[in-house]
Amino acid sequence: RLVRDLIDIPLVASGGAGAVEHFTDVFDHCDVSGALAASVFHKKIIHIPDLKRDLQTAGIEVRI
């Protein structure tokens, strides 16, 4: 939140996600424009279609 108060450009959360809930939490509790991850997808900890479905269910806009 401190960073968001200092900048006027899109802010993307990066790193630390290990579960779908971490993505919904970052959108619920931080004013971010997006979130990214890599290892959870490469290691098949989270499946992208499942994440997109859960985010949409939570009312978070998802790109197709």
N, C-alpha and C. Protein backbone atom coordinates (compact mmCIF):
# COMPACT_ATOMS: atom_id res chain seq x y z
N ARG A 1 0.82 -1.20 0.00
CA ARG A 1 0.00 0.00 0.00
C ARG A 1 0.86 1.25 0.00
N LEU A 2 2.01 1.17 0.62
CA LEU A 2 2.89 2.34 0.66
C LEU A 2 3.34 2.72 -0.74
N VAL A 3 3.67 1.71 -1.55
CA VAL A 3 4.11 1.98 -2.92
C VAL A 3 2.98 2.62 -3.72
N ARG A 4 1.78 2.08 -3.60
CA ARG A 4 0.64 2.61 -4.35
C ARG A 4 0.44 4.09 -4.06
N ASP A 5 0.64 4.50 -2.83
CA ASP A 5 0.46 5.91 -2.47
C ASP A 5 1.52 6.82 -3.10
N LEU A 6 2.64 6.23 -3.51
CA LEU A 6 3.74 7.02 -4.05
C LEU A 6 3.76 7.11 -5.57
N ILE A 7 3.04 6.22 -6.25
CA ILE A 7 3.12 6.17 -7.70
C ILE A 7 1.75 6.34 -8.35
N ASP A 8 1.79 6.70 -9.62
CA ASP A 8 0.56 6.93 -10.39
C ASP A 8 0.53 6.07 -11.65
N ILE A 9 1.23 4.95 -11.63
CA ILE A 9 1.30 4.04 -12.77
C ILE A 9 0.79 2.67 -12.33
N PRO A 10 0.50 1.78 -13.28
CA PRO A 10 0.05 0.44 -12.89
C PRO A 10 1.06 -0.24 -11.96
N LEU A 11 0.53 -0.93 -10.97
CA LEU A 11 1.35 -1.64 -10.00
C LEU A 11 1.03 -3.13 -10.09
N VAL A 12 2.06 -3.96 -10.29
CA VAL A 12 1.88 -5.39 -10.44
C VAL A 12 2.57 -6.10 -9.27
N ALA A 13 1.81 -6.94 -8.58
CA ALA A 13 2.36 -7.73 -7.48
C ALA A 13 3.14 -8.90 -8.07
N SER A 14 4.30 -9.19 -7.50
CA SER A 14 5.14 -10.26 -8.03
C SER A 14 5.83 -11.00 -6.90
N GLY A 15 5.72 -12.32 -6.93
CA GLY A 15 6.47 -13.15 -6.00
C GLY A 15 5.70 -13.55 -4.76
N GLY A 16 5.99 -14.74 -4.29
CA GLY A 16 5.46 -15.21 -3.03
C GLY A 16 4.17 -16.00 -3.10
N ALA A 17 3.55 -16.07 -4.26
CA ALA A 17 2.30 -16.82 -4.36
C ALA A 17 2.57 -18.32 -4.37
N GLY A 18 1.86 -19.02 -3.49
CA GLY A 18 2.00 -20.47 -3.43
C GLY A 18 0.66 -21.17 -3.47
N ALA A 19 -0.41 -20.38 -3.48
CA ALA A 19 -1.77 -20.93 -3.51
C ALA A 19 -2.70 -19.92 -4.18
N VAL A 20 -3.82 -20.41 -4.67
CA VAL A 20 -4.79 -19.54 -5.33
C VAL A 20 -5.21 -18.41 -4.39
N GLU A 21 -5.35 -18.71 -3.11
CA GLU A 21 -5.79 -17.71 -2.14
C GLU A 21 -4.84 -16.52 -2.08
N HIS A 22 -3.58 -16.74 -2.36
CA HIS A 22 -2.62 -15.64 -2.33
C HIS A 22 -2.94 -14.62 -3.41
N PHE A 23 -3.43 -15.08 -4.54
CA PHE A 23 -3.81 -14.16 -5.62
C PHE A 23 -5.06 -13.38 -5.24
N THR A 24 -6.06 -14.07 -4.74
CA THR A 24 -7.28 -13.35 -4.35
C THR A 24 -6.98 -12.37 -3.21
N ASP A 25 -6.12 -12.76 -2.30
CA ASP A 25 -5.74 -11.87 -1.18
C ASP A 25 -5.09 -10.58 -1.68
N VAL A 26 -4.17 -10.70 -2.63
CA VAL A 26 -3.45 -9.50 -3.09
C VAL A 26 -4.42 -8.53 -3.76
N PHE A 27 -5.40 -9.05 -4.48
CA PHE A 27 -6.38 -8.15 -5.10
C PHE A 27 -7.37 -7.59 -4.08
N ASP A 28 -7.66 -8.37 -3.05
CA ASP A 28 -8.60 -7.92 -2.02
C ASP A 28 -7.98 -6.90 -1.07
N HIS A 29 -6.69 -7.02 -0.79
CA HIS A 29 -6.07 -6.22 0.26
C HIS A 29 -5.10 -5.15 -0.24
N CYS A 30 -4.75 -5.21 -1.51
CA CYS A 30 -3.80 -4.23 -2.06
C CYS A 30 -4.40 -3.62 -3.32
N ASP A 31 -4.06 -2.41 -3.59
CA ASP A 31 -4.58 -1.72 -4.77
C ASP A 31 -3.62 -1.95 -5.94
N VAL A 32 -3.59 -3.20 -6.44
CA VAL A 32 -2.69 -3.53 -7.54
C VAL A 32 -3.48 -3.63 -8.84
N SER A 33 -2.76 -3.42 -9.94
CA SER A 33 -3.36 -3.52 -11.26
C SER A 33 -3.31 -4.94 -11.79
N GLY A 34 -2.38 -5.73 -11.26
CA GLY A 34 -2.22 -7.10 -11.71
C GLY A 34 -1.33 -7.88 -10.77
N ALA A 35 -1.23 -9.17 -11.05
CA ALA A 35 -0.36 -10.04 -10.27
C ALA A 35 0.28 -11.03 -11.23
N LEU A 36 1.51 -11.41 -10.92
CA LEU A 36 2.18 -12.37 -11.79
C LEU A 36 2.84 -13.45 -10.96
N ALA A 37 3.11 -14.56 -11.63
CA ALA A 37 3.78 -15.69 -10.99
C ALA A 37 4.36 -16.57 -12.08
N ALA A 38 5.25 -17.45 -11.71
CA ALA A 38 5.82 -18.36 -12.69
C ALA A 38 6.00 -19.76 -12.11
N SER A 39 6.75 -19.87 -11.02
CA SER A 39 7.11 -21.20 -10.52
C SER A 39 5.90 -22.04 -10.12
N VAL A 40 4.85 -21.41 -9.60
CA VAL A 40 3.66 -22.19 -9.23
C VAL A 40 2.99 -22.81 -10.45
N PHE A 41 3.19 -22.21 -11.61
CA PHE A 41 2.64 -22.77 -12.84
C PHE A 41 3.60 -23.81 -13.43
N HIS A 42 4.88 -23.51 -13.44
CA HIS A 42 5.87 -24.45 -13.98
C HIS A 42 5.90 -25.74 -13.17
N LYS A 43 5.77 -25.61 -11.86
CA LYS A 43 5.79 -26.78 -10.96
C LYS A 43 4.41 -27.42 -10.83
N LYS A 44 3.44 -26.86 -11.53
CA LYS A 44 2.06 -27.37 -11.54
C LYS A 44 1.42 -27.40 -10.15
N ILE A 45 1.80 -26.43 -9.32
CA ILE A 45 1.19 -26.26 -8.01
C ILE A 45 -0.20 -25.65 -8.19
N ILE A 46 -0.29 -24.72 -9.13
CA ILE A 46 -1.56 -24.09 -9.49
C ILE A 46 -1.75 -24.26 -10.99
N HIS A 47 -2.94 -24.63 -11.38
CA HIS A 47 -3.26 -24.75 -12.80
C HIS A 47 -3.95 -23.45 -13.23
N ILE A 48 -3.49 -22.87 -14.31
CA ILE A 48 -3.97 -21.57 -14.75
C ILE A 48 -5.49 -21.52 -14.92
N PRO A 49 -6.12 -22.52 -15.56
CA PRO A 49 -7.58 -22.45 -15.68
C PRO A 49 -8.29 -22.41 -14.31
N ASP A 50 -7.75 -23.14 -13.33
CA ASP A 50 -8.34 -23.13 -11.99
C ASP A 50 -8.20 -21.75 -11.35
N LEU A 51 -7.03 -21.15 -11.50
CA LEU A 51 -6.80 -19.82 -10.94
C LEU A 51 -7.74 -18.80 -11.57
N LYS A 52 -7.85 -18.83 -12.89
CA LYS A 52 -8.73 -17.88 -13.58
C LYS A 52 -10.18 -18.04 -13.13
N ARG A 53 -10.62 -19.28 -13.00
CA ARG A 53 -11.99 -19.54 -12.56
C ARG A 53 -12.22 -18.98 -11.16
N ASP A 54 -11.29 -19.25 -10.24
CA ASP A 54 -11.45 -18.78 -8.86
C ASP A 54 -11.41 -17.26 -8.77
N LEU A 55 -10.55 -16.63 -9.56
CA LEU A 55 -10.49 -15.17 -9.57
C LEU A 55 -11.79 -14.58 -10.10
N GLN A 56 -12.31 -15.15 -11.19
CA GLN A 56 -13.57 -14.67 -11.75
C GLN A 56 -14.71 -14.85 -10.74
N THR A 57 -14.73 -15.98 -10.06
CA THR A 57 -15.75 -16.23 -9.04
C THR A 57 -15.68 -15.20 -7.93
N ALA A 58 -14.46 -14.74 -7.62
CA ALA A 58 -14.26 -13.73 -6.57
C ALA A 58 -14.55 -12.32 -7.07
N GLY A 59 -14.93 -12.20 -8.35
CA GLY A 59 -15.26 -10.89 -8.90
C GLY A 59 -14.06 -10.10 -9.38
N ILE A 60 -12.95 -10.79 -9.60
CA ILE A 60 -11.72 -10.14 -10.07
C ILE A 60 -11.64 -10.31 -11.58
N GLU A 61 -11.42 -9.22 -12.29
CA GLU A 61 -11.34 -9.25 -13.74
C GLU A 61 -10.14 -10.06 -14.19
N VAL A 62 -10.38 -10.96 -15.16
CA VAL A 62 -9.33 -11.85 -15.66
C VAL A 62 -9.31 -11.75 -17.18
N ARG A 63 -8.11 -11.69 -17.73
CA ARG A 63 -7.99 -11.71 -19.19
C ARG A 63 -8.07 -13.15 -19.67
N ILE A 64 -8.65 -13.30 -20.85
CA ILE A 64 -8.78 -14.65 -21.43
C ILE A 64 -7.47 -15.07 -22.03
